[in-house]
């Protein structure tokens, strides 16, 4: 239980901090400030995330002005041979934020 609380607190405080200090930082619409976790940051001068995840999806930041992202549902990992959450080129049938459900 203590580990779950620590992980929860880490995500929310890190997200709040990043939202305050970095004007381009954002949380994907499909995620939440409570659950989103940056896994790989941008290698440039910005603190914007490149890859991230939450309990349901993996995310790739397309770095557009509209904050478009690709997302891959974690429930589909077993049907995607060679899937690597830190390499968007291995994501089978990714969805973008413009996908209508």
C-alpha atoms as a PDB file:
ATOM      1  CA  UNK A   1       0.000   0.000   0.000  1.00  0.00           C
ATOM      2  CA  UNK A   2       2.802   2.417   0.861  1.00  0.00           C
ATOM      3  CA  UNK A   3       4.425   1.812  -2.530  1.00  0.00           C
ATOM      4  CA  UNK A   4       1.161   2.637  -4.348  1.00  0.00           C
ATOM      5  CA  UNK A   5       0.817   5.858  -2.378  1.00  0.00           C
ATOM      6  CA  UNK A   6       4.429   6.813  -3.119  1.00  0.00           C
ATOM      7  CA  UNK A   7       3.985   6.163  -6.853  1.00  0.00           C
ATOM      8  CA  UNK A   8       0.742   8.143  -6.897  1.00  0.00           C
ATOM      9  CA  UNK A   9       2.351  11.093  -5.178  1.00  0.00           C
ATOM     10  CA  UNK A  10       5.412  11.000  -7.408  1.00  0.00           C
ATOM     11  CA  UNK A  11       3.332  11.294 -10.593  1.00  0.00           C
ATOM     12  CA  UNK A  12       1.084  14.097  -9.447  1.00  0.00           C
ATOM     13  CA  UNK A  13       3.801  16.255  -7.896  1.00  0.00           C
ATOM     14  CA  UNK A  14       6.138  15.758 -10.861  1.00  0.00           C
ATOM     15  CA  UNK A  15       3.338  16.644 -13.268  1.00  0.00           C
ATOM     16  CA  UNK A  16       2.335  19.744 -11.328  1.00  0.00           C
ATOM     17  CA  UNK A  17       5.954  20.900 -11.165  1.00  0.00           C
ATOM     18  CA  UNK A  18       6.454  20.356 -14.909  1.00  0.00           C
ATOM     19  CA  UNK A  19       3.186  22.112 -15.792  1.00  0.00           C
ATOM     20  CA  UNK A  20       4.285  25.133 -13.741  1.00  0.00           C
ATOM     21  CA  UNK A  21       7.861  25.483 -15.010  1.00  0.00           C
ATOM     22  CA  UNK A  22       7.489  24.435 -18.657  1.00  0.00           C
ATOM     23  CA  UNK A  23       4.906  26.225 -20.797  1.00  0.00           C
ATOM     24  CA  UNK A  24       4.951  23.464 -23.455  1.00  0.00           C
ATOM     25  CA  UNK A  25       4.478  20.621 -20.967  1.00  0.00           C
ATOM     26  CA  UNK A  26       1.077  18.936 -21.124  1.00  0.00           C
ATOM     27  CA  UNK A  27      -0.743  15.814 -20.020  1.00  0.00           C
ATOM     28  CA  UNK A  28      -2.388  13.782 -22.826  1.00  0.00           C
ATOM     29  CA  UNK A  29      -6.181  14.113 -22.951  1.00  0.00           C
ATOM     30  CA  UNK A  30      -6.505  10.338 -22.554  1.00  0.00           C
ATOM     31  CA  UNK A  31      -4.537  10.421 -19.305  1.00  0.00           C
ATOM     32  CA  UNK A  32      -4.641  12.279 -16.018  1.00  0.00           C
ATOM     33  CA  UNK A  33      -2.402  14.487 -13.921  1.00  0.00           C
ATOM     34  CA  UNK A  34      -2.738  11.757 -11.283  1.00  0.00           C
ATOM     35  CA  UNK A  35      -1.575   8.826 -13.428  1.00  0.00           C
ATOM     36  CA  UNK A  36       0.595  10.116 -16.299  1.00  0.00           C
ATOM     37  CA  UNK A  37       4.285   9.335 -16.014  1.00  0.00           C
ATOM     38  CA  UNK A  38       6.979  10.705 -18.318  1.00  0.00           C
ATOM     39  CA  UNK A  39       9.310   7.851 -19.298  1.00  0.00           C
ATOM     40  CA  UNK A  40      11.635   9.657 -21.732  1.00  0.00           C
ATOM     41  CA  UNK A  41      12.179  13.395 -21.838  1.00  0.00           C
ATOM     42  CA  UNK A  42      12.981  15.561 -24.826  1.00  0.00           C
ATOM     43  CA  UNK A  43      16.695  15.736 -25.621  1.00  0.00           C
ATOM     44  CA  UNK A  44      16.508  19.428 -26.523  1.00  0.00           C
ATOM     45  CA  UNK A  45      16.400  22.495 -24.337  1.00  0.00           C
ATOM     46  CA  UNK A  46      12.746  21.911 -23.455  1.00  0.00           C
ATOM     47  CA  UNK A  47      11.511  19.795 -20.554  1.00  0.00           C
ATOM     48  CA  UNK A  48       8.654  18.398 -22.642  1.00  0.00           C
ATOM     49  CA  UNK A  49       8.255  14.624 -22.505  1.00  0.00           C
ATOM     50  CA  UNK A  50       8.877  12.433 -25.549  1.00  0.00           C
ATOM     51  CA  UNK A  51       7.420   9.149 -24.258  1.00  0.00           C
ATOM     52  CA  UNK A  52       5.068   8.557 -21.358  1.00  0.00           C
ATOM     53  CA  UNK A  53       2.598   6.092 -19.907  1.00  0.00           C
ATOM     54  CA  UNK A  54      -0.244   5.627 -17.484  1.00  0.00           C
ATOM     55  CA  UNK A  55      -2.192   2.572 -16.343  1.00  0.00           C
ATOM     56  CA  UNK A  56      -3.957   2.158 -19.700  1.00  0.00           C
ATOM     57  CA  UNK A  57      -1.727   3.491 -22.485  1.00  0.00           C
ATOM     58  CA  UNK A  58       1.745   4.300 -23.739  1.00  0.00           C
ATOM     59  CA  UNK A  59       2.142   7.770 -25.295  1.00  0.00           C
ATOM     60  CA  UNK A  60       4.407   9.380 -27.877  1.00  0.00           C
ATOM     61  CA  UNK A  61       4.491  13.189 -28.116  1.00  0.00           C
ATOM     62  CA  UNK A  62       4.316  14.326 -31.753  1.00  0.00           C
ATOM     63  CA  UNK A  63       5.586  17.795 -30.734  1.00  0.00           C
ATOM     64  CA  UNK A  64       2.883  19.710 -32.595  1.00  0.00           C
ATOM     65  CA  UNK A  65       1.364  23.038 -31.606  1.00  0.00           C
ATOM     66  CA  UNK A  66      -1.914  21.197 -30.902  1.00  0.00           C
ATOM     67  CA  UNK A  67      -0.245  18.770 -28.454  1.00  0.00           C
ATOM     68  CA  UNK A  68      -1.045  15.757 -30.637  1.00  0.00           C
ATOM     69  CA  UNK A  69       0.086  12.384 -29.346  1.00  0.00           C
ATOM     70  CA  UNK A  70       0.075   8.800 -30.498  1.00  0.00           C
ATOM     71  CA  UNK A  71      -1.136   6.320 -27.941  1.00  0.00           C
ATOM     72  CA  UNK A  72      -0.966   2.552 -27.720  1.00  0.00           C
ATOM     73  CA  UNK A  73      -3.354   0.680 -25.397  1.00  0.00           C
ATOM     74  CA  UNK A  74      -1.491  -1.583 -22.983  1.00  0.00           C
ATOM     75  CA  UNK A  75      -4.161  -4.261 -23.452  1.00  0.00           C
ATOM     76  CA  UNK A  76      -2.870  -4.709 -27.040  1.00  0.00           C
ATOM     77  CA  UNK A  77       0.754  -5.506 -26.163  1.00  0.00           C
ATOM     78  CA  UNK A  78       0.352  -9.276 -26.609  1.00  0.00           C
ATOM     79  CA  UNK A  79      -0.987  -8.822 -30.151  1.00  0.00           C
ATOM     80  CA  UNK A  80       1.943  -6.639 -31.224  1.00  0.00           C
ATOM     81  CA  UNK A  81       5.114  -8.708 -31.791  1.00  0.00           C
ATOM     82  CA  UNK A  82       8.318  -6.805 -31.056  1.00  0.00           C
ATOM     83  CA  UNK A  83       6.529  -4.043 -29.170  1.00  0.00           C
ATOM     84  CA  UNK A  84       8.862  -1.661 -27.356  1.00  0.00           C
ATOM     85  CA  UNK A  85       7.199   1.107 -25.304  1.00  0.00           C
ATOM     86  CA  UNK A  86      10.181   3.394 -25.943  1.00  0.00           C
ATOM     87  CA  UNK A  87      10.226   2.984 -29.745  1.00  0.00           C
ATOM     88  CA  UNK A  88       7.118   4.251 -31.530  1.00  0.00           C
ATOM     89  CA  UNK A  89       8.137   2.484 -34.759  1.00  0.00           C
ATOM     90  CA  UNK A  90       7.294  -0.851 -33.074  1.00  0.00           C
ATOM     91  CA  UNK A  91       3.756   0.173 -32.080  1.00  0.00           C
ATOM     92  CA  UNK A  92       1.139  -1.760 -34.051  1.00  0.00           C
ATOM     93  CA  UNK A  93      -1.985   0.143 -35.115  1.00  0.00           C
ATOM     94  CA  UNK A  94      -1.312   3.196 -32.972  1.00  0.00           C
ATOM     95  CA  UNK A  95      -4.071   5.702 -32.372  1.00  0.00           C
ATOM     96  CA  UNK A  96      -3.648   9.431 -32.564  1.00  0.00           C
ATOM     97  CA  UNK A  97      -5.546  12.007 -30.604  1.00  0.00           C
ATOM     98  CA  UNK A  98      -7.797  12.702 -33.600  1.00  0.00           C
ATOM     99  CA  UNK A  99      -9.153   9.142 -33.594  1.00  0.00           C
ATOM    100  CA  UNK A 100     -12.898   9.039 -32.975  1.00  0.00           C
ATOM    101  CA  UNK A 101     -14.234   6.188 -30.878  1.00  0.00           C
END
